[in-house]
N, C-alpha and C. Protein backbone atom coordinates (compact mmCIF):
# COMPACT_ATOMS: atom_id res chain seq x y z
N MET A 1 16.39 1.70 -30.09
CA MET A 1 15.68 2.92 -29.65
C MET A 1 14.71 2.62 -28.43
N TYR A 2 14.03 1.53 -28.54
CA TYR A 2 13.09 1.18 -27.42
C TYR A 2 13.81 1.02 -26.13
N ALA A 3 14.99 0.31 -26.10
CA ALA A 3 15.72 0.05 -25.01
C ALA A 3 16.20 1.44 -24.39
N ALA A 4 16.62 2.37 -25.27
CA ALA A 4 17.15 3.67 -24.77
C ALA A 4 15.95 4.39 -24.11
N GLU A 5 14.81 4.40 -24.82
CA GLU A 5 13.61 5.17 -24.28
C GLU A 5 13.26 4.53 -22.96
N HIS A 6 13.30 3.12 -22.83
CA HIS A 6 12.88 2.46 -21.62
C HIS A 6 13.86 2.86 -20.48
N GLU A 7 15.19 2.89 -20.75
CA GLU A 7 16.15 3.28 -19.78
C GLU A 7 15.92 4.76 -19.28
N ARG A 8 15.63 5.72 -20.30
CA ARG A 8 15.42 7.09 -19.85
C ARG A 8 14.13 7.10 -19.03
N GLY A 9 13.13 6.36 -19.40
CA GLY A 9 11.87 6.32 -18.51
C GLY A 9 12.10 5.83 -17.17
N SER A 10 12.95 4.85 -17.02
CA SER A 10 13.28 4.19 -15.78
C SER A 10 14.08 5.24 -14.85
N THR A 11 15.00 5.99 -15.54
CA THR A 11 15.77 6.90 -14.87
C THR A 11 14.81 8.16 -14.38
N VAL A 12 13.96 8.63 -15.16
CA VAL A 12 13.11 9.65 -14.79
C VAL A 12 12.25 9.25 -13.62
N ALA A 13 11.74 7.97 -13.71
CA ALA A 13 10.88 7.46 -12.70
C ALA A 13 11.68 7.31 -11.29
N ALA A 14 12.89 6.83 -11.42
CA ALA A 14 13.74 6.76 -10.17
C ALA A 14 14.05 8.12 -9.55
N GLN A 15 14.29 9.11 -10.41
CA GLN A 15 14.58 10.42 -9.99
C GLN A 15 13.33 11.05 -9.40
N THR A 16 12.22 10.91 -9.95
CA THR A 16 11.02 11.46 -9.43
C THR A 16 10.72 10.76 -8.05
N ARG A 17 10.87 9.46 -7.98
CA ARG A 17 10.71 8.76 -6.73
C ARG A 17 11.49 9.37 -5.69
N ASP A 18 12.77 9.65 -5.93
CA ASP A 18 13.67 10.12 -4.94
C ASP A 18 13.12 11.45 -4.42
N VAL A 19 12.74 12.37 -5.35
CA VAL A 19 12.31 13.66 -4.99
C VAL A 19 11.08 13.61 -4.24
N LEU A 20 10.12 12.82 -4.57
CA LEU A 20 8.82 12.67 -3.87
C LEU A 20 9.10 12.08 -2.42
N MET A 21 9.95 11.11 -2.26
CA MET A 21 10.27 10.39 -1.05
C MET A 21 10.84 11.48 -0.10
N GLN A 22 11.69 12.42 -0.65
CA GLN A 22 12.32 13.47 0.17
C GLN A 22 11.23 14.33 0.65
N ALA A 23 10.34 14.71 -0.27
CA ALA A 23 9.13 15.57 0.06
C ALA A 23 8.32 14.97 1.13
N ILE A 24 8.09 13.72 1.11
CA ILE A 24 7.27 12.95 2.22
C ILE A 24 8.03 13.05 3.51
N GLN A 25 9.28 12.88 3.43
CA GLN A 25 10.04 12.87 4.64
C GLN A 25 10.07 14.23 5.25
N GLU A 26 10.26 15.25 4.47
CA GLU A 26 10.20 16.68 4.97
C GLU A 26 8.78 17.07 5.51
N ARG A 27 7.77 16.48 4.94
CA ARG A 27 6.46 16.93 5.35
C ARG A 27 6.02 16.14 6.68
N GLU A 28 6.38 14.91 6.78
CA GLU A 28 6.04 14.10 7.93
C GLU A 28 7.15 13.00 8.13
N PRO A 29 8.29 13.35 8.95
CA PRO A 29 9.35 12.51 9.02
C PRO A 29 9.04 10.98 9.40
N GLU A 30 8.07 10.75 10.28
CA GLU A 30 7.74 9.42 10.72
C GLU A 30 7.11 8.66 9.58
N LEU A 31 6.65 9.24 8.54
CA LEU A 31 6.10 8.46 7.35
C LEU A 31 7.14 7.56 6.61
N GLU A 32 8.47 8.12 6.77
CA GLU A 32 9.50 7.36 6.03
C GLU A 32 9.63 5.86 6.42
N ASP A 33 9.67 5.68 7.74
CA ASP A 33 9.79 4.30 8.13
C ASP A 33 8.63 3.48 7.82
N HIS A 34 7.36 4.14 7.79
CA HIS A 34 6.23 3.42 7.55
C HIS A 34 6.13 3.01 6.05
N VAL A 35 6.48 3.91 5.19
CA VAL A 35 6.38 3.64 3.72
C VAL A 35 7.45 2.52 3.33
N CYS A 36 8.56 2.53 3.97
CA CYS A 36 9.62 1.70 3.71
C CYS A 36 9.25 0.17 4.19
N HIS A 37 8.54 0.17 5.32
CA HIS A 37 8.07 -1.07 5.97
C HIS A 37 7.00 -1.61 5.01
N VAL A 38 6.09 -0.79 4.56
CA VAL A 38 4.97 -1.27 3.71
C VAL A 38 5.60 -1.78 2.35
N ALA A 39 6.59 -1.10 1.85
CA ALA A 39 7.11 -1.46 0.63
C ALA A 39 7.84 -2.77 0.61
N ASP A 40 8.55 -3.03 1.82
CA ASP A 40 9.20 -4.37 1.97
C ASP A 40 8.18 -5.49 2.08
N LEU A 41 7.11 -5.25 2.73
CA LEU A 41 6.08 -6.23 3.02
C LEU A 41 5.47 -6.61 1.64
N ALA A 42 5.15 -5.50 0.84
CA ALA A 42 4.40 -5.63 -0.31
C ALA A 42 5.16 -6.42 -1.42
N VAL A 43 6.47 -6.33 -1.43
CA VAL A 43 7.23 -6.93 -2.39
C VAL A 43 7.24 -8.41 -2.01
N VAL A 44 7.41 -8.74 -0.77
CA VAL A 44 7.46 -10.12 -0.33
C VAL A 44 6.12 -10.93 -0.69
N ILE A 45 4.98 -10.19 -0.56
CA ILE A 45 3.64 -10.74 -0.79
C ILE A 45 3.51 -10.91 -2.35
N GLY A 46 3.86 -9.83 -2.99
CA GLY A 46 3.70 -9.86 -4.52
C GLY A 46 4.43 -10.85 -5.06
N ARG A 47 5.72 -11.19 -4.61
CA ARG A 47 6.48 -12.30 -5.09
C ARG A 47 5.80 -13.62 -4.79
N GLN A 48 5.20 -13.84 -3.58
CA GLN A 48 4.60 -15.03 -3.22
C GLN A 48 3.40 -15.31 -4.20
N LEU A 49 2.65 -14.11 -4.59
CA LEU A 49 1.48 -14.26 -5.41
C LEU A 49 1.85 -14.34 -6.99
N GLY A 50 3.18 -14.49 -7.35
CA GLY A 50 3.49 -14.76 -8.58
C GLY A 50 3.86 -13.57 -9.47
N ALA A 51 4.11 -12.35 -8.87
CA ALA A 51 4.47 -11.31 -9.69
C ALA A 51 5.84 -11.31 -10.41
N ASP A 52 5.89 -10.80 -11.50
CA ASP A 52 7.22 -10.80 -12.18
C ASP A 52 8.06 -9.67 -11.77
N ALA A 53 9.28 -9.55 -12.25
CA ALA A 53 10.21 -8.41 -11.80
C ALA A 53 9.66 -7.13 -12.00
N GLU A 54 9.00 -6.83 -13.18
CA GLU A 54 8.46 -5.52 -13.59
C GLU A 54 7.29 -5.16 -12.69
N ALA A 55 6.43 -6.17 -12.35
CA ALA A 55 5.34 -5.89 -11.45
C ALA A 55 5.80 -5.57 -10.13
N LEU A 56 6.80 -6.28 -9.57
CA LEU A 56 7.39 -6.16 -8.29
C LEU A 56 7.91 -4.68 -8.20
N GLU A 57 8.60 -4.33 -9.16
CA GLU A 57 9.29 -2.93 -9.14
C GLU A 57 8.09 -1.90 -9.05
N GLU A 58 6.98 -2.14 -9.81
CA GLU A 58 5.84 -1.19 -9.80
C GLU A 58 5.28 -1.20 -8.45
N LEU A 59 5.07 -2.34 -7.90
CA LEU A 59 4.37 -2.55 -6.61
C LEU A 59 5.33 -1.75 -5.56
N HIS A 60 6.68 -1.94 -5.64
CA HIS A 60 7.50 -1.36 -4.66
C HIS A 60 7.43 0.08 -4.68
N ARG A 61 7.39 0.77 -5.87
CA ARG A 61 7.22 2.19 -6.05
C ARG A 61 5.99 2.65 -5.45
N ALA A 62 4.93 1.92 -5.78
CA ALA A 62 3.62 2.32 -5.34
C ALA A 62 3.56 2.39 -3.86
N ALA A 63 4.08 1.35 -3.20
CA ALA A 63 4.14 1.22 -1.81
C ALA A 63 4.96 2.36 -1.11
N GLU A 64 6.07 2.66 -1.73
CA GLU A 64 6.89 3.82 -1.20
C GLU A 64 6.18 5.14 -1.34
N LEU A 65 5.36 5.19 -2.28
CA LEU A 65 4.78 6.55 -2.66
C LEU A 65 3.20 6.60 -2.47
N HIS A 66 2.69 5.64 -1.75
CA HIS A 66 1.23 5.60 -1.56
C HIS A 66 0.79 6.68 -0.70
N ASP A 67 1.57 7.31 0.13
CA ASP A 67 1.14 8.43 0.97
C ASP A 67 1.57 9.86 0.41
N VAL A 68 1.99 9.85 -0.85
CA VAL A 68 2.50 11.13 -1.27
C VAL A 68 1.38 12.22 -1.31
N GLY A 69 0.16 11.78 -1.52
CA GLY A 69 -0.97 12.83 -1.54
C GLY A 69 -1.12 13.43 -0.26
N LYS A 70 -0.60 12.92 0.89
CA LYS A 70 -0.77 13.49 2.13
C LYS A 70 0.05 14.75 2.28
N ILE A 71 0.88 15.14 1.36
CA ILE A 71 1.63 16.42 1.48
C ILE A 71 0.71 17.57 1.15
N ALA A 72 -0.49 17.33 0.61
CA ALA A 72 -1.48 18.31 0.46
C ALA A 72 -2.54 18.47 1.50
N ILE A 73 -2.46 17.49 2.49
CA ILE A 73 -3.43 17.54 3.49
C ILE A 73 -3.11 18.49 4.63
N PRO A 74 -3.99 19.31 5.17
CA PRO A 74 -3.64 20.29 6.21
C PRO A 74 -3.11 19.69 7.44
N ASP A 75 -2.14 20.33 8.16
CA ASP A 75 -1.59 19.77 9.29
C ASP A 75 -2.60 19.46 10.37
N ALA A 76 -3.66 20.29 10.53
CA ALA A 76 -4.67 20.08 11.57
C ALA A 76 -5.33 18.81 11.37
N VAL A 77 -5.43 18.25 10.05
CA VAL A 77 -6.10 17.04 9.88
C VAL A 77 -5.04 15.80 9.94
N LEU A 78 -3.91 16.12 9.29
CA LEU A 78 -2.80 15.09 9.27
C LEU A 78 -2.36 14.74 10.59
N ASN A 79 -2.16 15.73 11.48
CA ASN A 79 -1.44 15.56 12.73
C ASN A 79 -2.45 15.56 13.89
N LYS A 80 -3.82 15.44 13.73
CA LYS A 80 -4.75 15.49 14.74
C LYS A 80 -4.38 14.27 15.71
N PRO A 81 -4.34 14.57 17.00
CA PRO A 81 -4.05 13.58 18.01
C PRO A 81 -5.26 12.88 18.44
N GLY A 82 -5.98 12.28 17.56
CA GLY A 82 -7.20 11.50 17.88
C GLY A 82 -7.97 11.09 16.57
N PRO A 83 -9.08 10.50 16.71
CA PRO A 83 -9.83 10.04 15.52
C PRO A 83 -10.26 11.35 14.83
N LEU A 84 -10.51 11.17 13.50
CA LEU A 84 -10.92 12.28 12.67
C LEU A 84 -12.60 12.24 12.69
N ASP A 85 -13.14 13.57 12.49
CA ASP A 85 -14.54 13.56 12.42
C ASP A 85 -14.94 13.39 10.94
N ASN A 86 -16.22 13.40 10.60
CA ASN A 86 -16.67 13.18 9.20
C ASN A 86 -15.99 14.20 8.15
N ASP A 87 -16.01 15.37 8.55
CA ASP A 87 -15.42 16.41 7.60
C ASP A 87 -13.96 16.36 7.39
N GLU A 88 -13.24 15.98 8.55
CA GLU A 88 -11.89 15.73 8.35
C GLU A 88 -11.56 14.42 7.52
N TRP A 89 -12.38 13.42 7.68
CA TRP A 89 -12.23 12.23 6.87
C TRP A 89 -12.43 12.45 5.48
N ARG A 90 -13.45 13.35 5.05
CA ARG A 90 -13.61 13.69 3.67
C ARG A 90 -12.39 14.37 3.06
N ILE A 91 -11.78 15.13 3.92
CA ILE A 91 -10.45 15.77 3.40
C ILE A 91 -9.32 14.69 3.32
N MET A 92 -9.26 13.81 4.35
CA MET A 92 -8.15 12.79 4.22
C MET A 92 -8.31 11.91 3.16
N ARG A 93 -9.55 11.58 2.77
CA ARG A 93 -9.76 10.64 1.71
C ARG A 93 -9.43 11.11 0.30
N GLN A 94 -9.12 12.41 0.26
CA GLN A 94 -8.65 13.04 -1.02
C GLN A 94 -7.18 12.65 -1.30
N HIS A 95 -6.50 12.04 -0.37
CA HIS A 95 -5.01 11.93 -0.53
C HIS A 95 -4.78 10.89 -1.60
N THR A 96 -5.50 9.89 -1.88
CA THR A 96 -5.31 8.97 -2.94
C THR A 96 -5.50 9.60 -4.24
N ILE A 97 -6.56 10.43 -4.44
CA ILE A 97 -6.83 11.13 -5.70
C ILE A 97 -5.58 12.11 -5.91
N ILE A 98 -5.15 12.82 -4.92
CA ILE A 98 -4.07 13.84 -5.07
C ILE A 98 -2.77 13.11 -5.42
N GLY A 99 -2.67 11.97 -4.76
CA GLY A 99 -1.40 11.07 -5.08
C GLY A 99 -1.41 10.65 -6.44
N GLU A 100 -2.54 10.26 -6.95
CA GLU A 100 -2.55 9.78 -8.34
C GLU A 100 -2.32 10.88 -9.30
N ARG A 101 -2.83 12.07 -9.00
CA ARG A 101 -2.52 13.29 -9.98
C ARG A 101 -1.03 13.56 -9.91
N ILE A 102 -0.47 13.54 -8.81
CA ILE A 102 1.03 13.79 -8.67
C ILE A 102 1.89 12.77 -9.51
N LEU A 103 1.53 11.53 -9.29
CA LEU A 103 2.38 10.52 -9.89
C LEU A 103 2.02 10.29 -11.41
N ALA A 104 0.76 10.62 -11.75
CA ALA A 104 0.43 10.36 -13.21
C ALA A 104 0.92 11.57 -14.02
N SER A 105 1.48 12.56 -13.53
CA SER A 105 2.08 13.75 -14.26
C SER A 105 3.43 13.18 -14.88
N VAL A 106 3.94 12.09 -14.29
CA VAL A 106 5.22 11.44 -14.87
C VAL A 106 4.85 10.28 -15.67
N PRO A 107 4.88 10.23 -17.09
CA PRO A 107 4.45 9.05 -17.77
C PRO A 107 4.96 7.74 -17.30
N ALA A 108 6.17 7.70 -16.88
CA ALA A 108 6.71 6.42 -16.43
C ALA A 108 6.19 5.91 -15.05
N LEU A 109 5.31 6.73 -14.38
CA LEU A 109 4.64 6.29 -13.16
C LEU A 109 3.21 6.19 -13.18
N ARG A 110 2.70 6.26 -14.39
CA ARG A 110 1.18 6.22 -14.59
C ARG A 110 0.62 4.88 -14.04
N SER A 111 1.27 3.85 -14.15
CA SER A 111 0.74 2.53 -13.73
C SER A 111 0.81 2.43 -12.21
N VAL A 112 1.80 3.13 -11.56
CA VAL A 112 2.05 3.27 -10.14
C VAL A 112 0.88 4.16 -9.64
N ALA A 113 0.57 5.13 -10.43
CA ALA A 113 -0.53 6.18 -9.97
C ALA A 113 -1.81 5.38 -9.79
N ARG A 114 -1.98 4.49 -10.75
CA ARG A 114 -3.40 3.70 -10.72
C ARG A 114 -3.40 2.80 -9.33
N ILE A 115 -2.32 2.16 -9.00
CA ILE A 115 -2.28 1.39 -7.80
C ILE A 115 -2.48 2.29 -6.59
N VAL A 116 -1.87 3.49 -6.54
CA VAL A 116 -1.95 4.41 -5.42
C VAL A 116 -3.46 4.91 -5.23
N ARG A 117 -4.08 5.23 -6.47
CA ARG A 117 -5.48 5.70 -6.42
C ARG A 117 -6.40 4.68 -5.68
N SER A 118 -6.22 3.42 -5.98
CA SER A 118 -7.04 2.38 -5.47
C SER A 118 -6.51 1.71 -4.13
N SER A 119 -5.60 2.24 -3.56
CA SER A 119 -4.91 1.67 -2.37
C SER A 119 -5.86 1.54 -1.14
N HIS A 120 -6.99 2.29 -1.25
CA HIS A 120 -7.89 2.17 -0.01
C HIS A 120 -9.26 1.70 -0.47
N GLU A 121 -9.31 1.05 -1.62
CA GLU A 121 -10.47 0.32 -1.99
C GLU A 121 -10.74 -0.99 -1.23
N HIS A 122 -11.95 -1.24 -0.93
CA HIS A 122 -12.11 -2.58 -0.07
C HIS A 122 -12.84 -3.68 -0.89
N TRP A 123 -12.56 -4.78 -0.48
CA TRP A 123 -13.06 -6.02 -1.28
C TRP A 123 -14.58 -5.89 -1.48
N ASN A 124 -15.34 -5.50 -0.47
CA ASN A 124 -16.89 -5.50 -0.56
C ASN A 124 -17.29 -4.23 -1.04
N GLY A 125 -16.51 -3.34 -1.70
CA GLY A 125 -16.90 -2.06 -2.32
C GLY A 125 -17.14 -0.93 -1.36
N SER A 126 -16.78 -0.99 -0.10
CA SER A 126 -17.01 -0.01 0.90
C SER A 126 -15.89 1.05 0.93
N GLY A 127 -14.81 0.86 0.08
CA GLY A 127 -13.57 1.79 0.15
C GLY A 127 -13.80 3.09 -0.62
N TYR A 128 -12.63 3.74 -0.90
CA TYR A 128 -12.72 4.85 -1.57
C TYR A 128 -11.33 5.06 -2.49
N PRO A 129 -11.37 5.77 -3.48
CA PRO A 129 -12.37 6.94 -3.94
C PRO A 129 -13.50 6.49 -4.89
N ASP A 130 -13.35 5.25 -5.39
CA ASP A 130 -14.23 4.79 -6.65
C ASP A 130 -15.28 3.62 -6.21
N ALA A 131 -15.20 3.20 -4.91
CA ALA A 131 -16.06 2.04 -4.50
C ALA A 131 -15.95 0.94 -5.33
N LEU A 132 -14.68 0.57 -5.77
CA LEU A 132 -14.40 -0.59 -6.60
C LEU A 132 -14.61 -1.78 -5.67
N ARG A 133 -14.94 -3.03 -6.33
CA ARG A 133 -15.25 -4.09 -5.59
C ARG A 133 -14.51 -5.32 -6.15
N GLY A 134 -14.03 -6.23 -5.29
CA GLY A 134 -13.49 -7.46 -5.66
C GLY A 134 -12.29 -7.33 -6.61
N PRO A 135 -12.40 -8.12 -7.71
CA PRO A 135 -11.33 -8.14 -8.67
C PRO A 135 -11.33 -6.86 -9.60
N GLU A 136 -12.19 -6.00 -9.41
CA GLU A 136 -12.15 -4.67 -10.05
C GLU A 136 -10.92 -3.92 -9.50
N ILE A 137 -10.44 -4.21 -8.24
CA ILE A 137 -9.37 -3.47 -7.65
C ILE A 137 -8.11 -4.12 -8.07
N PRO A 138 -7.15 -3.32 -8.66
CA PRO A 138 -5.91 -3.77 -8.97
C PRO A 138 -5.30 -4.77 -8.04
N LEU A 139 -4.70 -5.86 -8.29
CA LEU A 139 -4.12 -6.64 -7.28
C LEU A 139 -3.00 -5.88 -6.47
N GLY A 140 -2.15 -5.10 -7.14
CA GLY A 140 -1.26 -4.33 -6.43
C GLY A 140 -1.77 -3.49 -5.28
N SER A 141 -2.96 -2.93 -5.63
CA SER A 141 -3.74 -2.15 -4.62
C SER A 141 -4.22 -2.94 -3.34
N ARG A 142 -4.66 -4.22 -3.80
CA ARG A 142 -5.16 -5.12 -2.65
C ARG A 142 -3.92 -5.58 -1.78
N ILE A 143 -2.88 -5.75 -2.41
CA ILE A 143 -1.66 -6.14 -1.51
C ILE A 143 -1.18 -4.95 -0.73
N LEU A 144 -1.27 -3.77 -1.29
CA LEU A 144 -0.74 -2.62 -0.54
C LEU A 144 -1.77 -2.22 0.58
N LEU A 145 -3.07 -2.51 0.41
CA LEU A 145 -3.93 -2.14 1.49
C LEU A 145 -3.74 -3.16 2.69
N VAL A 146 -3.43 -4.42 2.49
CA VAL A 146 -3.15 -5.30 3.60
C VAL A 146 -1.87 -5.03 4.30
N CYS A 147 -0.78 -4.68 3.57
CA CYS A 147 0.47 -4.38 4.13
C CYS A 147 0.45 -3.00 4.75
N ASP A 148 -0.26 -2.01 4.30
CA ASP A 148 -0.44 -0.73 4.95
C ASP A 148 -1.22 -0.87 6.20
N ALA A 149 -2.28 -1.66 6.30
CA ALA A 149 -3.06 -1.91 7.47
C ALA A 149 -2.27 -2.59 8.62
N PHE A 150 -1.45 -3.57 8.16
CA PHE A 150 -0.71 -4.18 9.12
C PHE A 150 0.39 -3.32 9.76
N SER A 151 1.03 -2.51 8.88
CA SER A 151 2.09 -1.64 9.38
C SER A 151 1.44 -0.66 10.35
N ALA A 152 0.35 -0.05 9.89
CA ALA A 152 -0.35 0.92 10.82
C ALA A 152 -0.77 0.36 12.16
N MET A 153 -1.35 -0.87 12.07
CA MET A 153 -1.76 -1.49 13.39
C MET A 153 -0.73 -1.84 14.30
N THR A 154 0.53 -2.11 13.78
CA THR A 154 1.66 -2.45 14.62
C THR A 154 2.58 -1.29 14.96
N THR A 155 2.10 -0.06 14.65
CA THR A 155 2.91 1.02 14.85
C THR A 155 2.14 1.96 16.00
N THR A 156 2.85 2.33 16.99
CA THR A 156 2.33 3.29 18.03
C THR A 156 1.93 4.66 17.32
N ARG A 157 0.74 5.08 17.62
CA ARG A 157 0.15 6.35 17.21
C ARG A 157 -0.08 7.28 18.48
N SER A 158 -0.14 8.49 18.35
CA SER A 158 -0.32 9.44 19.35
C SER A 158 -1.65 9.15 20.18
N TYR A 159 -2.69 8.42 19.54
CA TYR A 159 -3.90 8.22 20.21
C TYR A 159 -4.13 6.74 20.46
N ARG A 160 -3.09 5.91 20.21
CA ARG A 160 -3.30 4.47 20.71
C ARG A 160 -2.04 3.78 20.53
N ALA A 161 -1.97 2.70 21.37
CA ALA A 161 -0.70 1.87 21.45
C ALA A 161 -0.67 0.97 20.15
N ALA A 162 0.60 0.43 19.86
CA ALA A 162 0.58 -0.44 18.73
C ALA A 162 -0.03 -1.87 19.24
N MET A 163 -0.59 -2.42 18.23
CA MET A 163 -1.03 -3.93 18.41
C MET A 163 0.07 -4.91 18.30
N SER A 164 -0.02 -6.01 18.89
CA SER A 164 0.95 -7.08 18.70
C SER A 164 0.75 -7.60 17.29
N VAL A 165 1.83 -8.24 16.73
CA VAL A 165 1.71 -8.93 15.43
C VAL A 165 0.63 -9.88 15.45
N GLU A 166 0.46 -10.72 16.51
CA GLU A 166 -0.57 -11.72 16.55
C GLU A 166 -1.95 -11.01 16.37
N ASP A 167 -2.28 -9.98 17.17
CA ASP A 167 -3.53 -9.33 17.16
C ASP A 167 -3.79 -8.66 15.74
N ALA A 168 -2.59 -8.16 15.17
CA ALA A 168 -2.82 -7.44 13.81
C ALA A 168 -3.31 -8.44 12.86
N VAL A 169 -2.53 -9.61 12.80
CA VAL A 169 -2.91 -10.61 11.89
C VAL A 169 -4.34 -11.09 12.04
N SER A 170 -4.79 -11.32 13.32
CA SER A 170 -6.12 -11.77 13.63
C SER A 170 -7.10 -10.68 13.07
N GLU A 171 -6.73 -9.46 13.14
CA GLU A 171 -7.82 -8.35 12.58
C GLU A 171 -7.70 -8.58 11.07
N LEU A 172 -6.70 -8.74 10.43
CA LEU A 172 -6.67 -8.92 9.06
C LEU A 172 -7.52 -10.07 8.63
N VAL A 173 -7.25 -11.24 9.33
CA VAL A 173 -8.20 -12.42 9.04
C VAL A 173 -9.62 -12.10 9.29
N ARG A 174 -9.89 -11.49 10.30
CA ARG A 174 -11.26 -11.17 10.61
C ARG A 174 -11.98 -10.40 9.56
N CYS A 175 -11.20 -9.51 8.94
CA CYS A 175 -11.84 -8.62 7.94
C CYS A 175 -11.54 -9.02 6.46
N ALA A 176 -11.01 -10.25 6.34
CA ALA A 176 -10.80 -10.89 5.00
C ALA A 176 -12.12 -11.14 4.44
N GLY A 177 -12.29 -10.95 3.15
CA GLY A 177 -13.48 -11.10 2.44
C GLY A 177 -14.34 -9.99 2.53
N GLU A 178 -14.25 -8.93 3.37
CA GLU A 178 -14.97 -7.80 3.54
C GLU A 178 -14.03 -6.60 3.16
N GLN A 179 -13.17 -6.21 4.05
CA GLN A 179 -12.21 -5.10 3.72
C GLN A 179 -11.10 -5.54 2.86
N PHE A 180 -10.60 -6.81 3.09
CA PHE A 180 -9.39 -7.23 2.40
C PHE A 180 -9.72 -8.47 1.59
N ASP A 181 -8.82 -8.63 0.50
CA ASP A 181 -8.86 -9.81 -0.30
C ASP A 181 -8.40 -10.98 0.50
N SER A 182 -9.19 -12.04 0.54
CA SER A 182 -8.89 -13.22 1.38
C SER A 182 -7.60 -13.96 0.87
N THR A 183 -7.29 -13.98 -0.46
CA THR A 183 -6.20 -14.46 -1.00
C THR A 183 -4.85 -13.73 -0.51
N VAL A 184 -4.95 -12.40 -0.50
CA VAL A 184 -3.78 -11.74 -0.03
C VAL A 184 -3.61 -11.84 1.47
N VAL A 185 -4.63 -11.86 2.22
CA VAL A 185 -4.50 -12.05 3.61
C VAL A 185 -3.88 -13.48 3.95
N ASN A 186 -4.32 -14.42 3.19
CA ASN A 186 -3.86 -15.88 3.38
C ASN A 186 -2.42 -15.90 3.06
N ALA A 187 -1.95 -15.31 1.98
CA ALA A 187 -0.54 -15.17 1.57
C ALA A 187 0.28 -14.44 2.68
N PHE A 188 -0.32 -13.41 3.24
CA PHE A 188 0.44 -12.44 4.19
C PHE A 188 0.65 -13.34 5.46
N SER A 189 -0.41 -13.90 5.93
CA SER A 189 -0.26 -14.66 7.20
C SER A 189 0.55 -15.93 7.07
N HIS A 190 0.45 -16.52 5.92
CA HIS A 190 1.40 -17.66 5.60
C HIS A 190 2.82 -17.22 5.62
N GLN A 191 3.11 -16.06 5.05
CA GLN A 191 4.54 -15.66 5.15
C GLN A 191 5.02 -15.32 6.47
N LEU A 192 4.22 -14.60 7.35
CA LEU A 192 4.52 -14.43 8.69
C LEU A 192 4.80 -15.66 9.44
N ARG A 193 4.01 -16.71 9.29
CA ARG A 193 4.25 -17.93 9.94
C ARG A 193 5.51 -18.63 9.46
N PHE A 194 5.81 -18.49 8.29
CA PHE A 194 7.07 -19.01 7.64
C PHE A 194 8.26 -18.37 8.23
N THR A 195 8.23 -16.94 8.15
CA THR A 195 9.43 -16.30 8.66
C THR A 195 9.68 -16.29 10.21
N ALA A 196 8.50 -16.81 10.89
CA ALA A 196 8.59 -16.85 12.32
C ALA A 196 9.13 -18.32 12.71
N GLY A 197 9.25 -19.19 11.57
CA GLY A 197 9.93 -20.48 11.84
C GLY A 197 8.86 -21.60 11.85
N ASP A 198 7.58 -21.40 11.44
CA ASP A 198 6.60 -22.35 11.41
C ASP A 198 6.52 -22.90 9.97
N HIS A 199 7.24 -23.95 9.60
CA HIS A 199 7.27 -24.44 8.34
C HIS A 199 6.20 -25.46 7.89
N ALA A 200 5.26 -25.48 8.78
CA ALA A 200 4.10 -26.50 8.64
C ALA A 200 2.79 -25.76 8.74
N PRO A 201 2.42 -24.70 7.98
CA PRO A 201 1.16 -23.94 8.12
C PRO A 201 0.05 -24.82 8.06
N THR A 202 -1.09 -24.40 8.64
CA THR A 202 -2.32 -25.19 8.56
C THR A 202 -3.03 -25.00 7.17
N LYS A 203 -2.66 -23.95 6.46
CA LYS A 203 -3.22 -23.80 5.11
C LYS A 203 -2.08 -23.70 4.17
N SER A 204 -2.33 -24.21 2.87
CA SER A 204 -1.34 -24.06 1.90
C SER A 204 -1.20 -22.57 1.35
N PRO A 205 -0.14 -22.06 0.93
CA PRO A 205 -0.11 -20.83 0.28
C PRO A 205 -0.97 -20.73 -0.93
N PRO A 206 -1.49 -19.49 -1.21
CA PRO A 206 -2.34 -19.48 -2.44
C PRO A 206 -1.59 -19.74 -3.72
N GLU A 207 -2.22 -20.17 -4.73
CA GLU A 207 -1.70 -20.31 -6.08
C GLU A 207 -1.23 -19.02 -6.64
N PRO A 208 -0.09 -18.88 -7.27
CA PRO A 208 0.30 -17.63 -7.86
C PRO A 208 -0.78 -17.20 -8.84
N GLN A 209 -0.97 -15.90 -9.05
CA GLN A 209 -1.88 -15.25 -9.95
C GLN A 209 -1.29 -14.12 -10.63
N PRO A 210 -1.70 -13.71 -11.74
CA PRO A 210 -1.08 -12.46 -12.44
C PRO A 210 -1.41 -11.32 -11.74
N MET A 211 -0.52 -10.29 -11.67
CA MET A 211 -0.61 -8.96 -11.18
C MET A 211 -1.55 -8.15 -12.05
N SER A 212 -2.70 -8.43 -12.19
CA SER A 212 -3.62 -7.55 -13.13
C SER A 212 -4.35 -6.52 -12.26
């Protein structure tokens, strides 16, 4: 009975994911490439940090759907060709809460919803929406924040050119311990060095840790 219920839950979650991904694509077509890029990066880093198969699947879904709340953000804010003002930022920062509400309406996605809600929390407590600090932030959310930031920095936007990979990684390292979890940044930079062909990094990769 449990196996059958688990399979039904997985099927519902997958179908819901497909519907929401289509909604994201219809709302803002360029987000599709971004969320797929973030999802691929997040799974690689999650695996390096010791996540099991279930946690990796959860992280992958959270990464794919982390922007789903943006479907409720007005076009004037979402598509503004320049930096947002304070009022516009207050509106934009609602997207993680909206995303959580959408995902939590499906029981099989409630753990994903938690990761999405906290995907803009900062290690030093300066993030949103709950000003969580350090290990209070789910590890999946900390991974997602780093991968999302890297993808955003290396993508051309209407108001700025894309950063190089090297400059983007330097920015992650500069903000490690403040905005980002240093362990996640270390894993991320190690993985980039490894895939670039440098098999003798200056620092060892971080020890695996549970996806709590």
